[in-house]
Protein backbone atom coordinates (compact mmCIF):
# COMPACT_ATOMS: atom_id res chain seq x y z
CA GLN A 1 87.89 116.48 90.97
CA LEU A 2 88.98 113.10 92.36
CA LEU A 3 87.45 111.11 89.51
CA GLN A 4 88.78 113.58 86.97
CA ARG A 5 92.27 113.16 88.41
CA LEU A 6 91.92 109.38 88.39
CA SER A 7 90.86 109.61 84.75
CA GLN A 8 93.93 111.65 83.89
CA VAL A 9 96.35 109.40 85.81
CA THR A 10 94.95 106.11 84.49
CA GLY A 11 94.08 107.30 81.00
CA CYS A 12 90.49 106.10 81.45
CA GLU A 13 87.69 108.31 80.17
CA HIS A 14 84.90 105.83 80.87
CA VAL A 15 83.30 105.81 84.33
CA VAL A 16 80.82 103.21 85.60
CA ASP A 17 78.64 104.73 88.34
CA VAL A 18 77.06 101.88 90.33
CA GLY A 19 74.00 102.55 92.47
CA ALA A 20 73.50 105.80 90.58
CA GLY A 21 70.02 106.61 91.87
CA GLN A 22 68.58 109.58 89.98
CA GLY A 23 71.90 110.04 88.21
CA HIS A 24 73.10 113.29 89.77
CA LEU A 25 76.76 112.22 89.96
CA SER A 26 76.60 110.56 86.53
CA ARG A 27 75.15 113.72 85.05
CA PHE A 28 77.90 115.88 86.53
CA LEU A 29 80.64 113.55 85.32
CA SER A 30 79.15 113.38 81.85
CA PHE A 31 77.88 116.91 81.22
CA GLY A 32 80.26 118.72 83.56
CA LEU A 33 83.54 116.86 83.07
CA GLY A 34 82.97 115.41 79.61
CA LEU A 35 83.58 111.81 80.67
CA SER A 36 81.87 108.81 79.12
CA VAL A 37 79.57 107.50 81.85
CA THR A 38 77.61 104.30 82.29
CA SER A 39 75.05 104.66 85.07
CA VAL A 40 73.92 101.41 86.75
CA GLU A 41 70.80 101.46 88.94
CA SER A 42 68.68 98.57 90.19
CA ASP A 43 65.52 100.62 90.75
CA GLY A 44 63.85 101.12 87.39
CA ARG A 45 61.85 104.07 88.71
CA LEU A 46 65.00 105.96 89.69
CA ALA A 47 66.70 105.08 86.40
CA GLY A 48 63.68 106.47 84.56
CA LEU A 49 63.88 109.70 86.53
CA ALA A 50 67.59 109.96 85.72
CA GLU A 51 66.91 109.68 81.99
CA ARG A 52 64.16 112.29 82.26
CA PHE A 53 66.51 114.73 84.01
CA ASP A 54 69.11 114.08 81.30
CA ARG A 55 66.61 114.95 78.58
CA GLU A 56 65.61 118.13 80.39
CA LEU A 57 69.23 119.22 80.66
CA LEU A 58 69.87 118.44 76.99
CA ARG A 59 66.85 120.54 76.00
CA GLU A 60 68.10 123.39 78.17
CA LEU A 61 71.53 123.21 76.56
CA GLU A 62 69.96 123.31 73.10
CA LYS A 63 68.01 126.42 74.05
CA ARG A 64 71.16 128.14 75.28
CA GLY A 65 73.39 127.22 72.40
CA GLY A 66 74.49 123.65 73.08
CA ALA A 67 78.12 122.92 73.93
CA GLY A 68 80.02 125.75 75.47
CA HIS A 69 77.29 126.96 77.81
CA GLU A 70 78.94 127.51 81.14
CA GLY A 71 75.93 127.42 83.44
CA HIS A 72 75.85 129.20 86.77
CA PRO A 73 79.04 130.07 88.69
CA ARG A 74 79.84 127.66 91.48
CA ARG A 75 81.93 130.14 93.47
CA CYS A 76 81.70 133.67 94.68
CA PRO A 77 83.17 135.99 91.98
CA LYS A 78 85.27 137.71 94.64
CA SER A 79 87.13 134.52 95.50
CA PRO A 80 90.82 134.91 94.56
CA ARG A 81 91.08 131.17 93.87
CA ARG A 82 88.20 131.03 91.43
CA ARG A 83 88.96 128.97 88.33
CA PRO A 84 87.43 129.36 84.88
CA LEU A 85 84.16 127.48 84.57
CA ARG A 86 84.12 124.43 82.32
CA PRO A 87 81.75 124.39 79.38
CA LEU A 88 79.04 121.76 79.63
CA THR A 89 79.26 118.80 77.26
CA PRO A 90 75.95 117.83 75.61
CA ARG A 91 76.49 114.10 76.14
CA ALA A 92 74.20 112.24 78.50
CA PRO A 93 75.18 109.18 80.55
CA HIS A 94 74.23 105.74 79.30
CA HIS A 95 71.77 104.26 81.79
CA VAL A 96 71.86 100.52 82.45
CA PRO A 97 69.13 98.96 84.61
CA GLY A 98 70.56 96.17 86.69
CA ARG A 99 71.78 94.94 90.05
CA LEU A 100 75.32 94.03 90.98
CA ASP A 101 75.82 90.32 91.63
CA PRO A 102 78.52 90.10 94.32
CA THR A 103 79.24 86.44 93.58
CA ALA A 104 79.41 86.50 89.78
CA PRO A 105 82.59 86.64 87.70
CA TRP A 106 83.39 90.14 86.51
CA ARG A 107 82.15 89.36 82.99
CA GLU A 108 78.71 88.51 84.41
CA LEU A 109 78.30 91.02 87.19
CA LEU A 110 74.79 92.32 86.40
CA LEU A 111 71.49 90.84 87.48
CA PRO A 112 68.12 92.03 86.14
CA PRO A 113 66.65 95.11 87.85
CA ASP A 114 64.11 94.71 90.61
CA PRO A 115 61.36 94.68 89.44
CA PRO A 116 62.45 93.49 85.97
CA GLY A 117 61.90 95.99 83.19
CA PRO A 118 60.17 95.36 79.87
CA GLY A 119 63.30 95.85 77.76
CA PRO A 120 66.10 93.43 76.86
CA ALA A 121 68.69 92.31 79.37
CA ALA A 122 71.23 94.98 80.25
CA GLN A 123 74.65 94.78 78.68
CA ASN A 124 77.42 94.31 81.20
CA PRO A 125 79.60 97.46 81.14
CA LEU A 126 82.62 95.27 81.98
CA GLY A 127 81.90 92.55 79.43
CA GLY A 128 84.01 93.52 76.42
CA PRO A 129 87.09 91.81 74.97
CA ARG A 130 89.48 93.40 77.47
CA GLY A 131 86.91 93.95 80.16
CA SER A 132 84.88 97.01 79.27
CA ALA A 133 82.35 97.21 76.47
CA THR A 134 84.71 99.50 74.53
CA GLY A 135 87.71 97.24 74.97
CA GLY A 136 89.52 99.51 77.44
CA GLN A 137 89.68 99.90 81.18
CA VAL A 138 87.14 101.86 83.20
CA LEU A 139 86.85 103.69 86.49
CA VAL A 140 84.17 102.45 88.88
CA THR A 141 82.53 104.61 91.50
CA GLY A 142 79.77 104.18 94.03
CA LEU A 143 78.64 107.32 95.86
CA HIS A 144 76.89 106.32 99.09
CA ALA A 145 76.62 102.74 97.84
CA CYS A 146 74.30 101.16 100.38
CA GLY A 147 75.08 98.15 102.56
CA ASP A 148 76.80 95.27 100.76
CA LEU A 149 76.99 97.19 97.49
CA SER A 150 80.24 98.89 98.54
CA PRO A 151 82.02 95.61 99.44
CA ALA A 152 80.72 94.11 96.18
CA LEU A 153 82.27 96.98 94.21
CA LEU A 154 85.62 96.40 95.90
CA ARG A 155 85.49 92.66 95.23
CA HIS A 156 84.71 93.24 91.56
CA PHE A 157 87.57 95.73 91.31
CA ALA A 158 89.94 93.22 92.87
CA ARG A 159 89.13 90.47 90.36
CA SER A 160 88.34 92.51 87.24
CA PRO A 161 91.24 93.61 85.03
CA ALA A 162 88.77 95.91 83.30
CA VAL A 163 88.67 98.26 86.31
CA ALA A 164 91.68 100.55 86.56
CA ALA A 165 90.56 102.28 89.76
CA VAL A 166 87.63 102.53 92.14
CA ALA A 167 86.30 105.35 94.32
CA SER A 168 83.82 104.19 96.93
CA VAL A 169 81.79 106.08 99.52
CA GLY A 170 79.93 103.68 101.78
CA CYS A 171 76.57 104.12 103.45
CA CYS A 172 73.99 102.22 105.53
CA TYR A 173 76.52 100.11 107.42
CA MET A 174 73.72 98.39 109.36
CA LYS A 175 72.71 96.69 106.10
CA VAL A 176 76.17 95.16 105.65
CA SER A 177 76.13 91.38 106.07
CA THR A 178 78.46 90.00 108.73
CA ALA A 179 80.19 86.70 109.38
CA PRO A 180 79.31 83.96 109.88
CA GLN A 181 76.97 83.61 106.91
CA PRO A 182 74.64 80.62 106.44
CA PRO A 183 75.82 77.96 103.95
CA GLY A 184 75.19 78.96 100.36
CA CYS A 185 75.13 82.69 101.08
CA PRO A 186 77.59 85.17 99.53
CA GLN A 187 80.69 86.19 101.42
CA PRO A 188 79.93 88.73 104.14
CA GLY A 189 80.41 92.44 103.63
CA TYR A 190 82.28 92.60 106.95
CA PRO A 191 84.97 91.63 107.60
CA LEU A 192 86.55 91.72 104.15
CA SER A 193 90.19 91.57 105.16
CA ALA A 194 92.07 88.67 106.66
CA SER A 195 93.70 91.14 109.05
CA VAL A 196 90.45 92.21 110.70
CA ALA A 197 88.94 88.72 110.56
CA ALA A 198 91.88 87.51 112.67
CA LEU A 199 91.31 90.12 115.40
CA PRO A 200 89.63 88.83 118.56
CA GLY A 201 86.34 90.64 119.16
CA HIS A 202 86.15 92.18 115.68
CA GLN A 203 82.43 91.43 115.40
CA LEU A 204 80.09 94.41 115.12
CA SER A 205 76.47 94.30 116.27
CA TYR A 206 73.61 95.74 114.25
CA ARG A 207 73.31 98.53 116.83
CA ALA A 208 76.98 99.47 116.46
CA ARG A 209 76.78 99.52 112.66
CA GLU A 210 73.56 101.51 112.74
CA ALA A 211 75.11 104.12 115.04
CA ALA A 212 78.02 104.53 112.62
CA CYS A 213 75.59 105.88 110.01
CA HIS A 214 74.52 108.92 112.02
CA ALA A 215 75.53 112.50 111.34
CA LEU A 216 77.77 113.37 114.28
CA GLU A 217 78.17 117.04 113.40
CA GLU A 218 74.43 117.51 112.99
CA TYR A 219 73.77 115.75 116.30
CA GLU A 220 76.29 118.01 118.03
CA GLY A 221 74.41 121.03 116.73
CA ARG A 222 71.12 119.67 118.05
CA LEU A 223 72.65 119.15 121.48
CA CYS A 224 74.02 122.67 121.58
CA ARG A 225 70.68 124.16 120.55
CA GLY A 226 68.58 121.87 122.72
CA SER A 227 66.71 120.94 119.56
CA THR A 228 63.25 119.42 119.75
CA HIS A 229 64.54 116.71 117.36
CA LEU A 230 66.07 115.05 120.44
CA ARG A 231 62.57 114.27 121.66
CA ALA A 232 62.31 111.51 119.06
CA HIS A 233 64.93 109.43 120.91
CA CYS A 234 62.80 109.34 124.03
CA TYR A 235 59.68 108.62 121.99
CA ARG A 236 61.36 105.62 120.39
CA ALA A 237 62.61 104.32 123.74
CA ALA A 238 59.14 104.62 125.28
CA LEU A 239 57.59 102.94 122.25
CA GLU A 240 60.08 100.07 122.56
CA SER A 241 59.00 99.57 126.16
CA LEU A 242 55.33 99.48 125.16
CA ILE A 243 56.01 97.00 122.36
CA CYS A 244 58.01 94.67 124.61
CA ASN A 245 55.36 94.81 127.33
CA ALA A 246 52.66 93.87 124.83
CA HIS A 247 54.72 91.29 122.95
CA PRO A 248 58.10 90.34 124.52
CA GLY A 249 59.24 88.62 121.33
CA LYS A 250 59.16 91.82 119.29
CA ARG A 251 62.34 93.68 120.09
CA HIS A 252 64.35 96.21 118.11
CA LEU A 253 61.98 96.27 115.15
CA GLY A 254 62.36 98.75 112.34
CA VAL A 255 59.62 101.26 113.16
CA GLN A 256 59.28 104.14 110.71
CA THR A 257 57.01 107.01 111.73
CA GLY A 258 58.24 109.71 109.36
CA ARG A 259 60.96 112.34 109.53
CA LYS A 260 59.00 114.80 111.69
CA ALA A 261 58.35 112.57 114.67
CA HIS A 262 59.58 115.30 117.02
CA THR A 263 56.64 117.52 116.02
CA LEU A 264 54.07 114.96 117.23
CA SER A 265 52.71 114.25 120.66
CA PHE A 266 53.68 110.84 121.99
CA PRO A 267 50.18 109.35 121.49
CA GLN A 268 50.27 110.51 117.86
CA TYR A 269 53.74 109.02 117.42
CA ALA A 270 52.75 105.72 119.04
CA ARG A 271 49.62 105.38 116.90
CA LEU A 272 51.84 105.61 113.82
CA GLY A 273 54.49 103.25 115.16
CA LEU A 274 52.57 100.43 116.84
CA PRO A 275 51.01 99.05 113.62
CA HIS A 276 54.55 98.51 112.27
CA ALA A 277 55.00 96.11 115.19
CA GLY A 278 51.71 94.39 114.43
CA LEU A 279 49.99 95.93 117.46
CA ASP A 280 46.65 97.69 117.69
CA PRO A 281 47.12 101.18 119.21
CA ALA A 282 43.61 100.99 120.70
CA ARG A 283 44.75 98.11 122.92
CA VAL A 284 47.89 99.81 124.24
CA PRO A 285 47.58 102.45 127.00
CA LEU A 286 49.23 105.60 125.68
CA ASP A 287 48.24 108.13 128.35
CA SER A 288 49.12 106.20 131.49
CA TRP A 289 51.25 107.49 134.34
CA ALA A 290 53.89 104.93 133.34
CA VAL A 291 54.21 106.51 129.89
CA GLU A 292 54.48 109.97 131.44
CA ALA A 293 57.21 108.72 133.77
CA MET A 294 59.18 107.38 130.80
CA LEU A 295 58.87 110.62 128.85
CA GLU A 296 60.25 112.53 131.84
CA GLN A 297 63.49 110.57 131.43
CA GLN A 298 64.34 112.22 128.12
CA HIS A 299 67.61 113.65 129.46
CA LYS A 300 68.82 110.15 130.32
CA VAL A 301 67.86 108.77 126.92
CA VAL A 302 69.68 111.64 125.18
CA ALA A 303 72.77 111.00 127.33
CA PHE A 304 72.70 107.33 126.33
CA CYS A 305 72.34 108.20 122.64
CA THR A 306 75.16 110.71 122.92
CA LEU A 307 77.52 108.04 124.23
CA GLY A 308 76.63 105.96 121.19
CA GLN A 309 77.36 108.91 118.92
CA LEU A 310 80.79 109.32 120.50
CA LEU A 311 81.65 105.71 119.64
CA ALA A 312 80.18 105.85 116.13
CA PRO A 313 83.33 107.22 114.40
CA VAL A 314 85.33 104.34 115.88
CA VAL A 315 82.96 101.82 114.31
CA GLU A 316 82.96 103.56 110.93
CA THR A 317 86.75 103.74 111.00
CA LEU A 318 87.00 100.00 111.67
CA ILE A 319 84.66 99.19 108.77
CA LEU A 320 86.53 101.44 106.35
CA LEU A 321 89.99 100.30 107.46
CA ASP A 322 88.84 96.71 106.97
CA ARG A 323 88.01 97.56 103.35
CA LEU A 324 91.31 99.35 102.85
CA LEU A 325 93.27 96.44 104.33
CA TYR A 326 91.41 94.01 102.07
CA LEU A 327 92.68 95.90 99.04
CA ARG A 328 96.21 96.29 100.40
CA GLU A 329 96.42 92.58 101.14
CA GLN A 330 95.97 92.02 97.41
CA GLY A 331 98.66 94.50 96.44
CA PHE A 332 96.58 97.48 95.31
CA HIS A 333 97.41 101.12 95.94
CA CYS A 334 94.71 102.63 98.13
CA ALA A 335 93.88 105.47 100.49
CA LEU A 336 91.05 106.86 102.59
CA VAL A 337 90.43 110.50 101.72
CA PRO A 338 88.20 112.93 103.71
CA LEU A 339 87.02 114.54 100.51
CA PHE A 340 84.35 117.01 101.59
CA ASN A 341 82.84 118.75 104.56
CA PRO A 342 81.03 116.26 106.84
CA ARG A 343 78.36 118.87 107.52
CA PHE A 344 77.46 118.61 103.84
CA SER A 345 77.44 114.81 104.01
CA PRO A 346 78.47 112.84 107.09
CA ARG A 347 79.75 109.97 104.92
CA ASN A 348 82.63 112.02 103.56
CA LEU A 349 85.44 109.43 103.55
CA VAL A 350 86.24 108.13 100.08
CA LEU A 351 88.09 104.85 99.68
CA VAL A 352 90.24 105.15 96.56
CA ALA A 353 92.10 102.20 95.07
CA ALA A 354 94.03 101.73 91.84
CA ARG A 355 96.41 99.37 90.11
CA THR A 356 98.97 102.17 89.79
CA PRO A 357 100.31 104.63 92.40
CA LEU A 358 97.86 107.29 93.55
CA ASP A 359 100.29 110.06 94.49
CA MET A 360 99.52 112.27 91.48
CA ALA A 361 95.76 111.75 91.76
CA LEU A 362 95.64 112.66 95.45
CA ALA A 363 98.16 115.52 95.49
CA GLY A 364 96.48 118.80 96.44
CA LEU A 365 93.02 117.31 96.92
CA ASP A 366 92.79 118.91 100.36
CA LYS A 367 92.97 122.37 98.76
CA ASP A 368 90.36 121.44 96.19
CA SER A 369 88.11 120.20 98.99
CA GLU A 370 88.43 123.52 100.78
CA ASP A 371 87.41 125.24 97.56
CA GLY A 372 84.28 123.08 97.45
CA ASP A 373 85.08 121.69 94.00
CA SER A 374 85.55 118.00 94.77
């Protein structure tokens, strides 16, 4: 509903969805809301999947009579606030393979996909006579745009007259670049604003930014249930100790052992994790009394992680307010909107900015969010 309202307020019917992944949002905007959508994705594999899903939906619409098919209800029929369902529009998004160049002028914002595809270079969706390919303004959105992609979107909005408004939901804050950057590197993703950059102690460590990405509500539920998922924290802490004992220079490495680490025994977990640190599991004692003593400290590890979770919303708020202040410093109308239930997605704060006032676009959004139609 937010993008539809922005479309109505700004008069823009063309949306550029950056970091579109498999195209789920693009598909909804195009088929569900009837908007003209350009979907930009750097991963050619995901872009290919998005086009395949589009074709499958088009075939399904043809079977059921094309335009006017209303699909499945999205609300309980007994709900007194239920609105009529919109007919689906048989118009697929236009998929553009490419990466956003945070340093390029707005007319040259796309880089080739990674890896490069066999086709011709992608046409810049903001490269027309007045900015967009069609000559009019566009809306730009990035749903869970990872790391520096969200700051790049905001920078392009700020310097591109082709973009009437932007709606950004950030993600993966630990991947955001921070000041100071080495010479020749792009501007950092944090801080963006002069206001935050001037604050003493505004720097954020990797650990702080990583903690801000966690799902606080889900973690609270695990604590209340005494979930076995909490075991993974102690496993990782014990593994860190083993890695540092074997090789003191290898600290805080990214060790991925899969999403079901809590279902493993510690030796199984360690045998999966140690190779990621360049260590041979056969040369590391995994059944020693020292390991057992560490695993008995799970309650302390969970308490430590819980303290980090309590501070995580503060860090996320600082990052998002920095982005909002960056836009306000340049005279744009902007707001942070808690658009949907954080239990559905913990990154539920949408940064909305436009060149015109947002009052009409944001009015009543809280009720729409409660209805689950945002």
